[in-house]
């Protein structure tokens, strides 16, 4: 984790969500609504729920069909979140890589735990 000042931290990562063209997976061969979820765990956890952004950093789509994609961060907690990718209709998605960043409050060495 990178620290910004004494109480803010930044975590980031990248993840290939699927490569469905390699094994004729549903994102590549399917039709209709399709969804892929991947759990990201923050290590270390934030003190509170951080702000999270997710973006597509690589996509490989069939040029013969419409390109439809929706990517988001869902179920965000202080310890992690889900990256969710969705497509629909006749879209054929071969593979997708997502990059994410979380910014939030972190425990500081000067914090006291008086219990």
Protein backbone atom coordinates (compact mmCIF):
# COMPACT_ATOMS: atom_id res chain seq x y z
CA UNK A 1 0.00 0.00 0.00
CA UNK A 2 1.20 3.50 -0.81
CA UNK A 3 0.57 6.08 1.89
CA UNK A 4 -0.42 9.66 1.22
CA UNK A 5 0.26 11.68 4.32
CA UNK A 6 -0.40 10.02 7.64
CA UNK A 7 -3.93 8.69 7.28
CA UNK A 8 -4.64 7.91 3.62
CA UNK A 9 -3.59 4.90 1.58
CA UNK A 10 -3.80 3.80 -2.05
CA UNK A 11 -3.97 0.24 -3.36
CA UNK A 12 -4.16 -0.74 -7.01
CA UNK A 13 -4.17 -3.87 -9.08
CA UNK A 14 -4.85 -5.52 -12.41
CA UNK A 15 -6.66 -8.78 -13.18
CA UNK A 16 -7.53 -10.72 -16.32
CA UNK A 17 -11.18 -11.56 -15.62
CA UNK A 18 -11.54 -14.27 -18.26
CA UNK A 19 -10.14 -15.62 -21.54
CA UNK A 20 -13.24 -17.33 -22.90
CA UNK A 21 -12.05 -17.63 -26.50
CA UNK A 22 -9.45 -20.19 -25.40
CA UNK A 23 -12.02 -22.72 -24.14
CA UNK A 24 -15.26 -21.58 -25.85
CA UNK A 25 -16.54 -20.02 -22.63
CA UNK A 26 -19.94 -18.37 -22.30
CA UNK A 27 -18.68 -14.80 -22.83
CA UNK A 28 -17.36 -15.84 -26.24
CA UNK A 29 -20.07 -18.27 -27.37
CA UNK A 30 -23.01 -17.05 -25.29
CA UNK A 31 -26.00 -14.95 -26.09
CA UNK A 32 -28.10 -12.76 -23.82
CA UNK A 33 -27.11 -11.47 -20.38
CA UNK A 34 -23.74 -12.66 -19.05
CA UNK A 35 -21.80 -11.71 -15.94
CA UNK A 36 -18.35 -12.38 -14.48
CA UNK A 37 -17.36 -11.56 -10.86
CA UNK A 38 -13.94 -11.51 -9.24
CA UNK A 39 -13.27 -10.85 -5.54
CA UNK A 40 -10.48 -8.42 -4.66
CA UNK A 41 -9.14 -8.51 -1.09
CA UNK A 42 -7.34 -5.47 0.32
CA UNK A 43 -4.11 -6.32 2.12
CA UNK A 44 -3.96 -4.58 4.48
CA UNK A 45 -7.60 -3.63 4.94
CA UNK A 46 -8.65 0.02 5.06
CA UNK A 47 -10.04 1.58 8.27
CA UNK A 48 -13.27 2.53 6.48
CA UNK A 49 -14.87 1.78 3.13
CA UNK A 50 -12.54 3.30 0.50
CA UNK A 51 -13.41 4.95 -2.81
CA UNK A 52 -12.89 2.36 -5.57
CA UNK A 53 -12.62 2.82 -9.33
CA UNK A 54 -12.53 0.04 -11.92
CA UNK A 55 -11.73 0.32 -15.62
CA UNK A 56 -11.17 -1.93 -18.59
CA UNK A 57 -7.48 -1.92 -19.46
CA UNK A 58 -7.70 -4.57 -22.20
CA UNK A 59 -10.62 -5.98 -24.13
CA UNK A 60 -10.74 -8.40 -27.01
CA UNK A 61 -14.11 -8.34 -28.77
CA UNK A 62 -15.46 -9.95 -31.92
CA UNK A 63 -15.71 -7.34 -34.68
CA UNK A 64 -18.76 -9.03 -36.25
CA UNK A 65 -21.10 -8.28 -33.32
CA UNK A 66 -21.94 -5.22 -31.24
CA UNK A 67 -19.44 -4.35 -28.50
CA UNK A 68 -21.34 -4.06 -25.21
CA UNK A 69 -19.62 -3.89 -21.84
CA UNK A 70 -20.38 -2.77 -18.31
CA UNK A 71 -17.76 -2.91 -15.55
CA UNK A 72 -18.19 -1.83 -11.94
CA UNK A 73 -17.10 -2.23 -8.34
CA UNK A 74 -19.80 -3.81 -6.17
CA UNK A 75 -20.09 -4.83 -2.51
CA UNK A 76 -17.24 -2.51 -1.47
CA UNK A 77 -16.12 -2.96 2.15
CA UNK A 78 -13.01 -1.97 4.12
CA UNK A 79 -11.52 -5.39 3.30
CA UNK A 80 -12.38 -5.77 -0.41
CA UNK A 81 -14.88 -5.63 -3.27
CA UNK A 82 -16.15 -7.45 -6.36
CA UNK A 83 -15.13 -6.50 -9.89
CA UNK A 84 -18.23 -7.16 -12.01
CA UNK A 85 -18.16 -7.35 -15.81
CA UNK A 86 -21.38 -7.71 -17.80
CA UNK A 87 -22.26 -8.04 -21.45
CA UNK A 88 -25.53 -8.77 -23.24
CA UNK A 89 -27.20 -9.37 -26.57
CA UNK A 90 -25.09 -10.85 -29.33
CA UNK A 91 -21.77 -9.43 -28.05
CA UNK A 92 -18.88 -11.88 -28.17
CA UNK A 93 -16.14 -11.07 -25.66
CA UNK A 94 -12.94 -13.06 -25.92
CA UNK A 95 -11.15 -11.62 -22.89
CA UNK A 96 -11.06 -8.66 -20.53
CA UNK A 97 -8.48 -7.25 -18.12
CA UNK A 98 -9.60 -4.82 -15.43
CA UNK A 99 -7.47 -2.33 -13.49
CA UNK A 100 -8.65 -0.96 -10.15
CA UNK A 101 -7.66 1.63 -7.54
CA UNK A 102 -8.83 2.08 -3.97
CA UNK A 103 -8.19 5.21 -1.89
CA UNK A 104 -9.16 5.54 1.74
CA UNK A 105 -8.36 5.91 5.40
CA UNK A 106 -5.66 3.60 6.80
CA UNK A 107 -4.32 2.91 10.23
CA UNK A 108 -1.45 5.19 11.13
CA UNK A 109 1.52 4.31 13.33
CA UNK A 110 0.48 7.20 15.59
CA UNK A 111 -3.02 5.77 16.15
CA UNK A 112 -3.60 4.48 19.64
CA UNK A 113 -5.71 1.45 20.40
CA UNK A 114 -6.91 1.99 23.95
CA UNK A 115 -9.18 -0.86 24.90
